[in-house]
C-alpha atoms as a PDB file:
ATOM      1  CA  MET A   1       0.000   0.000   0.000  1.00  0.00           C
ATOM      2  CA  SER A   2       1.377   3.407  -0.938  1.00  0.00           C
ATOM      3  CA  GLU A   3       1.762   6.312   1.495  1.00  0.00           C
ATOM      4  CA  GLU A   4      -0.906   8.210  -0.431  1.00  0.00           C
ATOM      5  CA  GLN A   5      -3.368   5.317  -0.115  1.00  0.00           C
ATOM      6  CA  SER A   6      -2.630   5.078   3.611  1.00  0.00           C
ATOM      7  CA  GLN A   7      -3.319   8.798   4.087  1.00  0.00           C
ATOM      8  CA  ASP A   8      -6.547   8.505   2.107  1.00  0.00           C
ATOM      9  CA  MET A   9      -7.699   5.636   4.311  1.00  0.00           C
ATOM     10  CA  GLN A  10      -6.885   7.562   7.490  1.00  0.00           C
ATOM     11  CA  HIS A  11      -8.902  10.523   6.197  1.00  0.00           C
ATOM     12  CA  THR A  12     -11.754   8.208   5.249  1.00  0.00           C
ATOM     13  CA  GLN A  13     -11.724   6.603   8.682  1.00  0.00           C
ATOM     14  CA  HIS A  14     -11.850   9.986  10.418  1.00  0.00           C
ATOM     15  CA  THR A  15     -14.853  11.175   8.444  1.00  0.00           C
ATOM     16  CA  GLN A  16     -16.615   7.845   8.932  1.00  0.00           C
ATOM     17  CA  ASP A  17     -16.053   7.756  12.693  1.00  0.00           C
ATOM     18  CA  THR A  18     -17.990  10.989  13.166  1.00  0.00           C
ATOM     19  CA  ALA A  19     -20.824  10.209  10.771  1.00  0.00           C
ATOM     20  CA  VAL A  20     -22.987   7.481  12.332  1.00  0.00           C
ATOM     21  CA  PRO A  21     -24.273   8.099  15.863  1.00  0.00           C
ATOM     22  CA  GLY A  22     -22.466   5.810  18.314  1.00  0.00           C
ATOM     23  CA  ALA A  23     -19.657   4.932  15.909  1.00  0.00           C
ATOM     24  CA  GLY A  24     -16.996   5.850  18.453  1.00  0.00           C
ATOM     25  CA  GLN A  25     -18.243   3.070  20.756  1.00  0.00           C
ATOM     26  CA  ARG A  26     -17.772   0.440  18.016  1.00  0.00           C
ATOM     27  CA  PRO A  27     -21.225  -1.124  18.592  1.00  0.00           C
ATOM     28  CA  LEU A  28     -20.500  -3.998  16.187  1.00  0.00           C
ATOM     29  CA  ARG A  29     -17.308  -5.147  17.886  1.00  0.00           C
ATOM     30  CA  GLY A  30     -17.536  -8.921  18.299  1.00  0.00           C
ATOM     31  CA  ARG A  31     -20.066  -9.187  15.461  1.00  0.00           C
ATOM     32  CA  VAL A  32     -19.276 -10.992  12.216  1.00  0.00           C
ATOM     33  CA  ALA A  33     -20.456  -9.879   8.762  1.00  0.00           C
ATOM     34  CA  LEU A  34     -20.201 -11.337   5.290  1.00  0.00           C
ATOM     35  CA  VAL A  35     -20.374  -8.836   2.442  1.00  0.00           C
ATOM     36  CA  ALA A  36     -20.687 -10.854  -0.746  1.00  0.00           C
ATOM     37  CA  GLY A  37     -19.510  -8.735  -3.655  1.00  0.00           C
ATOM     38  CA  ALA A  38     -17.266  -6.213  -1.903  1.00  0.00           C
ATOM     39  CA  THR A  39     -14.545  -5.513  -4.456  1.00  0.00           C
ATOM     40  CA  ARG A  40     -15.729  -1.995  -5.271  1.00  0.00           C
ATOM     41  CA  GLY A  41     -18.679   0.388  -5.232  1.00  0.00           C
ATOM     42  CA  ALA A  42     -21.479  -0.166  -2.732  1.00  0.00           C
ATOM     43  CA  GLY A  43     -20.097  -3.480  -1.512  1.00  0.00           C
ATOM     44  CA  ARG A  44     -16.704  -2.043  -0.628  1.00  0.00           C
ATOM     45  CA  ALA A  45     -18.251   0.923   1.171  1.00  0.00           C
ATOM     46  CA  ILE A  46     -20.610  -1.362   3.094  1.00  0.00           C
ATOM     47  CA  ALA A  47     -17.708  -3.529   4.233  1.00  0.00           C
ATOM     48  CA  VAL A  48     -15.700  -0.473   5.324  1.00  0.00           C
ATOM     49  CA  GLN A  49     -18.580   1.116   7.213  1.00  0.00           C
ATOM     50  CA  LEU A  50     -19.264  -2.113   9.083  1.00  0.00           C
ATOM     51  CA  GLY A  51     -15.573  -1.991   9.970  1.00  0.00           C
ATOM     52  CA  VAL A  52     -15.988   1.567  11.251  1.00  0.00           C
ATOM     53  CA  LEU A  53     -18.419   0.174  13.826  1.00  0.00           C
ATOM     54  CA  GLY A  54     -15.911  -2.515  14.799  1.00  0.00           C
ATOM     55  CA  ALA A  55     -17.205  -5.576  12.958  1.00  0.00           C
ATOM     56  CA  THR A  56     -15.174  -8.448  11.611  1.00  0.00           C
ATOM     57  CA  VAL A  57     -16.003  -8.392   7.909  1.00  0.00           C
ATOM     58  CA  TYR A  58     -15.477 -11.188   5.419  1.00  0.00           C
ATOM     59  CA  ALA A  59     -15.320  -9.360   2.094  1.00  0.00           C
ATOM     60  CA  THR A  60     -15.600 -11.444  -1.060  1.00  0.00           C
ATOM     61  CA  GLY A  61     -15.124 -10.812  -4.755  1.00  0.00           C
ATOM     62  CA  ARG A  62     -13.510 -12.171  -7.901  1.00  0.00           C
ATOM     63  CA  THR A  63     -10.846  -9.569  -8.646  1.00  0.00           C
ATOM     64  CA  THR A  64      -7.590  -9.998  -6.742  1.00  0.00           C
ATOM     65  CA  ARG A  65      -4.097  -8.639  -7.194  1.00  0.00           C
ATOM     66  CA  GLU A  66      -3.350 -11.694  -9.311  1.00  0.00           C
ATOM     67  CA  ARG A  67      -6.620 -12.234 -11.172  1.00  0.00           C
ATOM     68  CA  VAL A  68      -9.201  -9.983 -12.834  1.00  0.00           C
ATOM     69  CA  SER A  69     -12.876 -10.846 -13.212  1.00  0.00           C
ATOM     70  CA  GLU A  70     -14.963 -10.385 -16.356  1.00  0.00           C
ATOM     71  CA  VAL A  71     -15.709  -6.832 -15.188  1.00  0.00           C
ATOM     72  CA  GLY A  72     -12.200  -6.085 -16.424  1.00  0.00           C
ATOM     73  CA  ARG A  73     -11.100  -3.569 -13.813  1.00  0.00           C
ATOM     74  CA  THR A  74      -7.659  -3.901 -12.271  1.00  0.00           C
ATOM     75  CA  THR A  75      -7.975  -0.738 -10.198  1.00  0.00           C
ATOM     76  CA  GLU A  76      -9.904  -2.316  -7.300  1.00  0.00           C
ATOM     77  CA  THR A  77      -9.177  -5.633  -5.611  1.00  0.00           C
ATOM     78  CA  ILE A  78     -10.742  -7.594  -2.787  1.00  0.00           C
ATOM     79  CA  GLU A  79      -7.469  -7.444  -0.840  1.00  0.00           C
ATOM     80  CA  GLU A  80      -7.685  -3.635  -0.839  1.00  0.00           C
ATOM     81  CA  THR A  81     -11.195  -3.841   0.560  1.00  0.00           C
ATOM     82  CA  GLY A  82      -9.981  -6.003   3.419  1.00  0.00           C
ATOM     83  CA  GLU A  83      -7.225  -3.496   4.177  1.00  0.00           C
ATOM     84  CA  LEU A  84      -9.700  -0.615   4.150  1.00  0.00           C
ATOM     85  CA  VAL A  85     -11.945  -2.430   6.636  1.00  0.00           C
ATOM     86  CA  THR A  86      -9.042  -2.958   9.026  1.00  0.00           C
ATOM     87  CA  ALA A  87      -7.852   0.640   8.648  1.00  0.00           C
ATOM     88  CA  ALA A  88     -11.365   1.837   9.462  1.00  0.00           C
ATOM     89  CA  GLY A  89     -11.330   0.070  12.822  1.00  0.00           C
ATOM     90  CA  GLY A  90     -12.683  -3.405  12.132  1.00  0.00           C
ATOM     91  CA  GLU A  91     -11.073  -6.645  11.050  1.00  0.00           C
ATOM     92  CA  GLY A  92     -11.105  -7.161   7.300  1.00  0.00           C
ATOM     93  CA  VAL A  93     -10.829 -10.671   5.907  1.00  0.00           C
ATOM     94  CA  ALA A  94     -10.573 -10.707   2.114  1.00  0.00           C
ATOM     95  CA  VAL A  95     -11.630 -13.989   0.503  1.00  0.00           C
ATOM     96  CA  PRO A  96     -11.656 -14.507  -3.289  1.00  0.00           C
ATOM     97  CA  VAL A  97     -14.967 -16.216  -4.079  1.00  0.00           C
ATOM     98  CA  ASP A  98     -17.105 -16.682  -7.168  1.00  0.00           C
ATOM     99  CA  HIS A  99     -20.564 -16.964  -5.650  1.00  0.00           C
ATOM    100  CA  LEU A 100     -21.809 -19.078  -8.539  1.00  0.00           C
ATOM    101  CA  GLU A 101     -19.513 -21.858  -7.297  1.00  0.00           C
ATOM    102  CA  VAL A 102     -21.560 -23.545  -4.577  1.00  0.00           C
ATOM    103  CA  ASP A 103     -18.665 -25.480  -3.057  1.00  0.00           C
ATOM    104  CA  ARG A 104     -16.607 -22.279  -2.723  1.00  0.00           C
ATOM    105  CA  VAL A 105     -19.469 -20.561  -0.923  1.00  0.00           C
ATOM    106  CA  ARG A 106     -19.952 -23.538   1.380  1.00  0.00           C
ATOM    107  CA  ASP A 107     -16.238 -23.503   2.160  1.00  0.00           C
ATOM    108  CA  LEU A 108     -16.434 -19.794   2.967  1.00  0.00           C
ATOM    109  CA  VAL A 109     -19.323 -20.294   5.394  1.00  0.00           C
ATOM    110  CA  ALA A 110     -17.521 -23.254   6.980  1.00  0.00           C
ATOM    111  CA  ARG A 111     -14.463 -21.029   7.479  1.00  0.00           C
ATOM    112  CA  ILE A 112     -16.548 -18.341   9.184  1.00  0.00           C
ATOM    113  CA  GLU A 113     -18.106 -20.994  11.410  1.00  0.00           C
ATOM    114  CA  ARG A 114     -14.688 -22.418  12.309  1.00  0.00           C
ATOM    115  CA  ASP A 115     -13.201 -19.006  13.019  1.00  0.00           C
ATOM    116  CA  HIS A 116     -16.100 -17.419  14.901  1.00  0.00           C
ATOM    117  CA  GLY A 117     -19.015 -19.812  15.308  1.00  0.00           C
ATOM    118  CA  ARG A 118     -21.439 -17.100  14.271  1.00  0.00           C
ATOM    119  CA  LEU A 119     -22.610 -14.834  11.464  1.00  0.00           C
ATOM    120  CA  ASP A 120     -24.542 -11.708  12.395  1.00  0.00           C
ATOM    121  CA  VAL A 121     -24.891  -9.823   9.111  1.00  0.00           C
ATOM    122  CA  LEU A 122     -25.156 -11.128   5.555  1.00  0.00           C
ATOM    123  CA  VAL A 123     -25.107  -8.590   2.720  1.00  0.00           C
ATOM    124  CA  ASN A 124     -25.834  -9.941  -0.751  1.00  0.00           C
ATOM    125  CA  ASP A 125     -24.301  -7.330  -3.052  1.00  0.00           C
ATOM    126  CA  VAL A 126     -22.915  -9.519  -5.849  1.00  0.00           C
ATOM    127  CA  TRP A 127     -23.438  -7.908  -9.255  1.00  0.00           C
ATOM    128  CA  GLY A 128     -20.753  -7.082 -11.825  1.00  0.00           C
ATOM    129  CA  GLY A 129     -23.177  -7.087 -14.753  1.00  0.00           C
ATOM    130  CA  GLU A 130     -22.994  -3.501 -15.996  1.00  0.00           C
ATOM    131  CA  HIS A 131     -21.228  -4.623 -19.175  1.00  0.00           C
ATOM    132  CA  LEU A 132     -24.171  -6.899 -19.998  1.00  0.00           C
ATOM    133  CA  ILE A 133     -27.000  -4.368 -19.891  1.00  0.00           C
ATOM    134  CA  GLU A 134     -28.893  -3.673 -23.138  1.00  0.00           C
ATOM    135  CA  PHE A 135     -31.593  -1.015 -23.132  1.00  0.00           C
ATOM    136  CA  ASP A 136     -32.299  -0.864 -26.872  1.00  0.00           C
ATOM    137  CA  GLY A 137     -34.595  -3.631 -28.017  1.00  0.00           C
ATOM    138  CA  LYS A 138     -37.482  -5.876 -27.073  1.00  0.00           C
ATOM    139  CA  MET A 139     -36.834  -8.982 -24.994  1.00  0.00           C
ATOM    140  CA  TRP A 140     -36.695 -11.264 -28.037  1.00  0.00           C
ATOM    141  CA  GLU A 141     -34.259  -8.911 -29.769  1.00  0.00           C
ATOM    142  CA  LEU A 142     -31.723  -8.871 -26.926  1.00  0.00           C
ATOM    143  CA  ASP A 143     -28.729 -11.172 -26.636  1.00  0.00           C
ATOM    144  CA  LEU A 144     -29.996 -14.200 -24.712  1.00  0.00           C
ATOM    145  CA  ASP A 145     -26.593 -15.238 -23.397  1.00  0.00           C
ATOM    146  CA  ARG A 146     -25.966 -11.745 -21.989  1.00  0.00           C
ATOM    147  CA  GLY A 147     -29.385 -11.664 -20.375  1.00  0.00           C
ATOM    148  CA  MET A 148     -29.025 -15.069 -18.768  1.00  0.00           C
ATOM    149  CA  ARG A 149     -25.542 -14.203 -17.515  1.00  0.00           C
ATOM    150  CA  MET A 150     -26.981 -11.089 -15.900  1.00  0.00           C
ATOM    151  CA  LEU A 151     -29.502 -13.234 -14.040  1.00  0.00           C
ATOM    152  CA  GLU A 152     -26.726 -15.576 -12.930  1.00  0.00           C
ATOM    153  CA  LEU A 153     -24.630 -12.726 -11.552  1.00  0.00           C
ATOM    154  CA  GLY A 154     -27.388 -10.694  -9.925  1.00  0.00           C
ATOM    155  CA  VAL A 155     -29.889 -13.337  -8.810  1.00  0.00           C
ATOM    156  CA  GLN A 156     -28.433 -16.843  -8.724  1.00  0.00           C
ATOM    157  CA  THR A 157     -25.399 -15.718  -6.707  1.00  0.00           C
ATOM    158  CA  HIS A 158     -27.683 -14.213  -4.068  1.00  0.00           C
ATOM    159  CA  ILE A 159     -29.754 -17.382  -3.820  1.00  0.00           C
ATOM    160  CA  ILE A 160     -26.683 -19.614  -3.466  1.00  0.00           C
ATOM    161  CA  THR A 161     -25.133 -17.390  -0.806  1.00  0.00           C
ATOM    162  CA  SER A 162     -28.302 -17.160   1.267  1.00  0.00           C
ATOM    163  CA  HIS A 163     -28.922 -20.898   1.014  1.00  0.00           C
ATOM    164  CA  CYS A 164     -25.412 -21.646   2.303  1.00  0.00           C
ATOM    165  CA  ALA A 165     -25.097 -18.884   4.914  1.00  0.00           C
ATOM    166  CA  LEU A 166     -28.529 -18.524   6.508  1.00  0.00           C
ATOM    167  CA  PRO A 167     -28.257 -21.570   8.810  1.00  0.00           C
ATOM    168  CA  LEU A 168     -25.214 -19.950  10.434  1.00  0.00           C
ATOM    169  CA  LEU A 169     -26.881 -16.523  10.520  1.00  0.00           C
ATOM    170  CA  LEU A 170     -29.853 -17.996  12.385  1.00  0.00           C
ATOM    171  CA  ARG A 171     -27.740 -19.698  15.031  1.00  0.00           C
ATOM    172  CA  THR A 172     -27.321 -16.752  17.389  1.00  0.00           C
ATOM    173  CA  GLY A 173     -30.621 -14.921  16.843  1.00  0.00           C
ATOM    174  CA  GLY A 174     -31.087 -11.330  15.791  1.00  0.00           C
ATOM    175  CA  GLY A 175     -29.278 -11.744  12.479  1.00  0.00           C
ATOM    176  CA  LEU A 176     -29.676  -9.381   9.542  1.00  0.00           C
ATOM    177  CA  LEU A 177     -29.886 -10.200   5.823  1.00  0.00           C
ATOM    178  CA  ILE A 178     -29.697  -7.305   3.367  1.00  0.00           C
ATOM    179  CA  GLU A 179     -30.329  -7.709  -0.342  1.00  0.00           C
ATOM    180  CA  VAL A 180     -28.691  -4.839  -2.223  1.00  0.00           C
ATOM    181  CA  THR A 181     -30.352  -3.934  -5.500  1.00  0.00           C
ATOM    182  CA  ASP A 182     -31.234  -0.999  -7.764  1.00  0.00           C
ATOM    183  CA  GLY A 183     -34.552   0.652  -6.987  1.00  0.00           C
ATOM    184  CA  THR A 184     -37.201   0.364  -4.317  1.00  0.00           C
ATOM    185  CA  ALA A 185     -40.268  -1.855  -4.603  1.00  0.00           C
ATOM    186  CA  GLU A 186     -42.383   1.249  -5.181  1.00  0.00           C
ATOM    187  CA  ALA A 187     -40.114   2.836  -7.801  1.00  0.00           C
ATOM    188  CA  ASN A 188     -39.605  -0.461  -9.617  1.00  0.00           C
ATOM    189  CA  ARG A 189     -43.285  -0.804 -10.367  1.00  0.00           C
ATOM    190  CA  ALA A 190     -42.282   1.181 -13.431  1.00  0.00           C
ATOM    191  CA  TYR A 191     -40.583  -0.823 -16.173  1.00  0.00           C
ATOM    192  CA  ARG A 192     -36.799  -0.534 -15.944  1.00  0.00           C
ATOM    193  CA  GLU A 193     -36.544  -0.358 -19.766  1.00  0.00           C
ATOM    194  CA  SER A 194     -34.761  -3.677 -20.192  1.00  0.00           C
ATOM    195  CA  PHE A 195     -36.399  -7.087 -19.681  1.00  0.00           C
ATOM    196  CA  PHE A 196     -33.365  -8.821 -18.152  1.00  0.00           C
ATOM    197  CA  TYR A 197     -32.212  -5.841 -16.082  1.00  0.00           C
ATOM    198  CA  ASP A 198     -35.719  -5.364 -14.704  1.00  0.00           C
ATOM    199  CA  LEU A 199     -35.876  -9.016 -13.625  1.00  0.00           C
ATOM    200  CA  THR A 200     -32.388  -8.945 -12.144  1.00  0.00           C
ATOM    201  CA  LYS A 201     -32.990  -5.893  -9.992  1.00  0.00           C
ATOM    202  CA  ASN A 202     -36.533  -6.738  -8.904  1.00  0.00           C
ATOM    203  CA  ALA A 203     -35.681 -10.293  -7.820  1.00  0.00           C
ATOM    204  CA  PRO A 204     -33.618  -9.268  -4.743  1.00  0.00           C
ATOM    205  CA  ILE A 205     -36.527  -7.162  -3.482  1.00  0.00           C
ATOM    206  CA  ARG A 206     -38.831 -10.152  -3.653  1.00  0.00           C
ATOM    207  CA  MET A 207     -36.178 -12.461  -2.192  1.00  0.00           C
ATOM    208  CA  ALA A 208     -35.837 -10.228   0.863  1.00  0.00           C
ATOM    209  CA  PHE A 209     -39.621 -10.045   1.235  1.00  0.00           C
ATOM    210  CA  ASN A 210     -39.996 -13.820   0.995  1.00  0.00           C
ATOM    211  CA  LEU A 211     -37.176 -14.465   3.453  1.00  0.00           C
ATOM    212  CA  SER A 212     -38.616 -11.946   5.899  1.00  0.00           C
ATOM    213  CA  HIS A 213     -41.464 -14.400   6.415  1.00  0.00           C
ATOM    214  CA  GLU A 214     -39.152 -17.389   6.732  1.00  0.00           C
ATOM    215  CA  LEU A 215     -36.674 -15.737   9.130  1.00  0.00           C
ATOM    216  CA  LYS A 216     -38.938 -13.862  11.515  1.00  0.00           C
ATOM    217  CA  ASP A 217     -39.726 -16.839  13.769  1.00  0.00           C
ATOM    218  CA  ALA A 218     -35.983 -17.178  14.395  1.00  0.00           C
ATOM    219  CA  GLY A 219     -35.713 -13.504  15.338  1.00  0.00           C
ATOM    220  CA  ALA A 220     -33.829 -12.532  12.175  1.00  0.00           C
ATOM    221  CA  THR A 221     -34.538  -9.660   9.804  1.00  0.00           C
ATOM    222  CA  ALA A 222     -34.474  -9.565   6.000  1.00  0.00           C
ATOM    223  CA  LEU A 223     -34.804  -6.410   3.923  1.00  0.00           C
ATOM    224  CA  SER A 224     -33.748  -4.953   0.600  1.00  0.00           C
ATOM    225  CA  LEU A 225     -31.740  -1.759   0.208  1.00  0.00           C
ATOM    226  CA  THR A 226     -30.852   0.396  -2.758  1.00  0.00           C
ATOM    227  CA  PRO A 227     -28.468   3.305  -3.189  1.00  0.00           C
ATOM    228  CA  GLY A 228     -29.486   6.191  -5.396  1.00  0.00           C
ATOM    229  CA  PHE A 229     -27.452   7.315  -8.412  1.00  0.00           C
ATOM    230  CA  LEU A 230     -24.205   5.810  -7.172  1.00  0.00           C
ATOM    231  CA  ARG A 231     -20.880   7.518  -7.808  1.00  0.00           C
ATOM    232  CA  SER A 232     -19.057   4.218  -7.968  1.00  0.00           C
ATOM    233  CA  GLU A 233     -15.561   3.953  -9.366  1.00  0.00           C
ATOM    234  CA  GLN A 234     -17.015   2.706 -12.643  1.00  0.00           C
ATOM    235  CA  MET A 235     -19.549   5.517 -12.876  1.00  0.00           C
ATOM    236  CA  LEU A 236     -16.920   8.175 -12.209  1.00  0.00           C
ATOM    237  CA  ASP A 237     -14.747   6.656 -14.940  1.00  0.00           C
ATOM    238  CA  HIS A 238     -17.732   6.525 -17.284  1.00  0.00           C
ATOM    239  CA  PHE A 239     -18.205  10.277 -16.970  1.00  0.00           C
ATOM    240  CA  GLY A 240     -14.473  11.000 -16.955  1.00  0.00           C
ATOM    241  CA  VAL A 241     -14.516  12.638 -13.509  1.00  0.00           C
ATOM    242  CA  THR A 242     -13.269  11.926  -9.996  1.00  0.00           C
ATOM    243  CA  GLU A 243     -14.919  12.202  -6.601  1.00  0.00           C
ATOM    244  CA  GLU A 244     -13.336  15.633  -6.258  1.00  0.00           C
ATOM    245  CA  ASN A 245     -14.765  17.112  -9.495  1.00  0.00           C
ATOM    246  CA  TRP A 246     -17.815  14.891 -10.045  1.00  0.00           C
ATOM    247  CA  ARG A 247     -20.115  17.861 -10.556  1.00  0.00           C
ATOM    248  CA  ASP A 248     -18.433  18.486 -13.913  1.00  0.00           C
ATOM    249  CA  ALA A 249     -20.473  15.516 -15.210  1.00  0.00           C
ATOM    250  CA  VAL A 250     -23.809  17.206 -14.471  1.00  0.00           C
ATOM    251  CA  ALA A 251     -23.535  19.047 -17.787  1.00  0.00           C
ATOM    252  CA  LYS A 252     -23.687  15.647 -19.525  1.00  0.00           C
ATOM    253  CA  GLU A 253     -26.329  14.097 -17.254  1.00  0.00           C
ATOM    254  CA  LYS A 254     -28.507  16.412 -15.175  1.00  0.00           C
ATOM    255  CA  HIS A 255     -29.715  13.601 -12.878  1.00  0.00           C
ATOM    256  CA  PHE A 256     -26.123  13.134 -11.736  1.00  0.00           C
ATOM    257  CA  ALA A 257     -26.608  16.290  -9.656  1.00  0.00           C
ATOM    258  CA  LEU A 258     -28.426  14.080  -7.142  1.00  0.00           C
ATOM    259  CA  SER A 259     -25.794  11.352  -7.156  1.00  0.00           C
ATOM    260  CA  GLU A 260     -24.346   9.981  -3.941  1.00  0.00           C
ATOM    261  CA  SER A 261     -21.030   8.483  -2.926  1.00  0.00           C
ATOM    262  CA  PRO A 262     -20.913   4.801  -1.908  1.00  0.00           C
ATOM    263  CA  VAL A 263     -20.346   5.973   1.662  1.00  0.00           C
ATOM    264  CA  LEU A 264     -24.062   6.718   2.088  1.00  0.00           C
ATOM    265  CA  VAL A 265     -25.298   3.187   1.429  1.00  0.00           C
ATOM    266  CA  GLY A 266     -22.395   1.855   3.489  1.00  0.00           C
ATOM    267  CA  ARG A 267     -23.474   3.962   6.439  1.00  0.00           C
ATOM    268  CA  ALA A 268     -27.054   2.809   5.910  1.00  0.00           C
ATOM    269  CA  VAL A 269     -26.085  -0.856   6.284  1.00  0.00           C
ATOM    270  CA  ALA A 270     -23.944  -0.086   9.334  1.00  0.00           C
ATOM    271  CA  ALA A 271     -26.767   1.828  11.017  1.00  0.00           C
ATOM    272  CA  LEU A 272     -29.251  -0.963  10.355  1.00  0.00           C
ATOM    273  CA  ALA A 273     -26.841  -3.612  11.626  1.00  0.00           C
ATOM    274  CA  ALA A 274     -26.245  -1.698  14.868  1.00  0.00           C
ATOM    275  CA  ASP A 275     -29.940  -1.038  15.542  1.00  0.00           C
ATOM    276  CA  PRO A 276     -31.251  -3.273  18.350  1.00  0.00           C
ATOM    277  CA  ASP A 277     -34.745  -2.639  16.971  1.00  0.00           C
ATOM    278  CA  LYS A 278     -33.871  -3.580  13.379  1.00  0.00           C
ATOM    279  CA  ALA A 279     -36.720  -6.119  13.255  1.00  0.00           C
ATOM    280  CA  ARG A 280     -39.129  -3.240  12.607  1.00  0.00           C
ATOM    281  CA  TRP A 281     -37.707  -3.174   9.057  1.00  0.00           C
ATOM    282  CA  ASN A 282     -38.388  -6.852   8.372  1.00  0.00           C
ATOM    283  CA  GLY A 283     -39.576  -7.248   4.776  1.00  0.00           C
ATOM    284  CA  ALA A 284     -39.064  -3.569   3.954  1.00  0.00           C
ATOM    285  CA  SER A 285     -37.668  -2.105   0.754  1.00  0.00           C
ATOM    286  CA  LEU A 286     -35.462   0.820   1.777  1.00  0.00           C
ATOM    287  CA  TYR A 287     -33.196   3.350   0.085  1.00  0.00           C
ATOM    288  CA  SER A 288     -30.008   4.904   1.420  1.00  0.00           C
ATOM    289  CA  GLY A 289     -31.331   8.456   1.801  1.00  0.00           C
ATOM    290  CA  GLN A 290     -34.395   7.193   3.666  1.00  0.00           C
ATOM    291  CA  VAL A 291     -32.211   5.306   6.138  1.00  0.00           C
ATOM    292  CA  ALA A 292     -29.967   8.365   6.533  1.00  0.00           C
ATOM    293  CA  LYS A 293     -32.941  10.505   7.505  1.00  0.00           C
ATOM    294  CA  GLU A 294     -34.155   7.856   9.946  1.00  0.00           C
ATOM    295  CA  TYR A 295     -30.818   7.385  11.752  1.00  0.00           C
ATOM    296  CA  GLY A 296     -29.376  10.877  11.416  1.00  0.00           C
ATOM    297  CA  PHE A 297     -26.261  10.455   9.297  1.00  0.00           C
ATOM    298  CA  THR A 298     -25.161  11.993   6.003  1.00  0.00           C
ATOM    299  CA  ASP A 299     -23.130  11.251   2.916  1.00  0.00           C
ATOM    300  CA  ALA A 300     -19.411  12.053   3.004  1.00  0.00           C
ATOM    301  CA  ASP A 301     -20.098  15.669   1.980  1.00  0.00           C
ATOM    302  CA  GLY A 302     -22.532  16.316   4.838  1.00  0.00           C
ATOM    303  CA  THR A 303     -25.689  16.189   2.703  1.00  0.00           C
ATOM    304  CA  VAL A 304     -28.452  13.603   2.291  1.00  0.00           C
ATOM    305  CA  PRO A 305     -29.460  12.926  -1.338  1.00  0.00           C
ATOM    306  CA  ASP A 306     -33.140  11.975  -1.012  1.00  0.00           C
ATOM    307  CA  SER A 307     -32.882  10.163  -4.289  1.00  0.00           C
ATOM    308  CA  TRP A 308     -35.743   7.763  -4.907  1.00  0.00           C
ATOM    309  CA  PRO A 309     -38.678  10.188  -4.635  1.00  0.00           C
ATOM    310  CA  TYR A 310     -36.893  12.043  -7.439  1.00  0.00           C
ATOM    311  CA  PHE A 311     -36.039   9.029  -9.594  1.00  0.00           C
ATOM    312  CA  ALA A 312     -39.465   7.439  -9.150  1.00  0.00           C
ATOM    313  CA  ARG A 313     -40.938  10.531 -10.798  1.00  0.00           C
ATOM    314  CA  VAL A 314     -38.333  10.387 -13.562  1.00  0.00           C
ATOM    315  CA  MET A 315     -39.171   6.742 -14.315  1.00  0.00           C
ATOM    316  CA  ALA A 316     -42.872   7.580 -14.308  1.00  0.00           C
ATOM    317  CA  GLY A 317     -42.244  10.147 -17.050  1.00  0.00           C
ATOM    318  CA  GLU A 318     -42.911  13.121 -14.796  1.00  0.00           C
ATOM    319  CA  ASP A 319     -40.873  16.269 -14.300  1.00  0.00           C
ATOM    320  CA  PRO A 320     -39.331  15.948 -10.824  1.00  0.00           C
ATOM    321  CA  GLY A 321     -38.022  19.492 -10.794  1.00  0.00           C
ATOM    322  CA  ASP A 322     -34.565  20.627  -9.730  1.00  0.00           C
ATOM    323  CA  PRO A 323     -32.551  17.643  -8.484  1.00  0.00           C
ATOM    324  CA  GLU A 324     -30.701  19.896  -6.031  1.00  0.00           C
ATOM    325  CA  SER A 325     -33.987  20.502  -4.229  1.00  0.00           C
ATOM    326  CA  TYR A 326     -33.935  16.819  -3.215  1.00  0.00           C
ATOM    327  CA  ARG A 327     -30.472  17.103  -1.643  1.00  0.00           C
ATOM    328  CA  LEU A 328     -31.072  17.744   2.025  1.00  0.00           C
ATOM    329  CA  ARG A 329     -28.578  19.786   4.011  1.00  0.00           C
ATOM    330  CA  PRO A 330     -29.070  19.023   7.712  1.00  0.00           C
END
């Protein structure tokens, strides 16, 4: 790790420690989390923010310092995520896993059981299908192999991981399962303009709802969570900007004015995991800005992008007005 990266992580840790109420007390110390799909973007931020609250976090992904996944990015690795978790105050354990390989997932869960005998938080964030999305064409005109691969990456991986990990999650009581997706149940009533993408991003919402019924008797909670317009590493590269000058991209895409950093959804997961009354959210479909308003934290810049009321109107073909008016400044 370079000196510059180390300084960046120390700065990140400082801003994170003061963001979520109670973070200084490390309320998740002694708790164990698995963030499936934590190489970059929302998954990485979720892993780090759980670390801020003191959790031991098993962070999984396919891109390592020696091997690159089909996403094709060498700039983020799962080892770096583990290091960021530890630097933030938790214990990061980076494990290369393809969550379509059932035996690898079973081995991962067995390792967590051997090491800790418990699993308190499971976050299903596996995705990596941006390169497969096609928005131009009817279902029968789209590439079938691309569409089916998207469903494998965004749906089948989540099912496999939950099937393997939930028995351990249920062992201690009070566990939390979060399905990360794109869009809330309400917003996704509108067609997402691509048959396969719509299916892929609606399935986790329904999976969380179904599992909320199956987990509640064991005292566990299942919910789905979506970020807003995420300024992930890939999205910043797409617009040719950085986190420092991201507003330069608003001229190309006006909705980007309401974008949020991955920190916001990371803080949302951390706040939910630390809430002793989290069961009130069982079966819910939440978004990062909504959770921020509920628990009293902000994005890294001190604002709260209240994104999905805005984007629900956009998808419904309505004029939502000035996106900046949806960015709350507590």
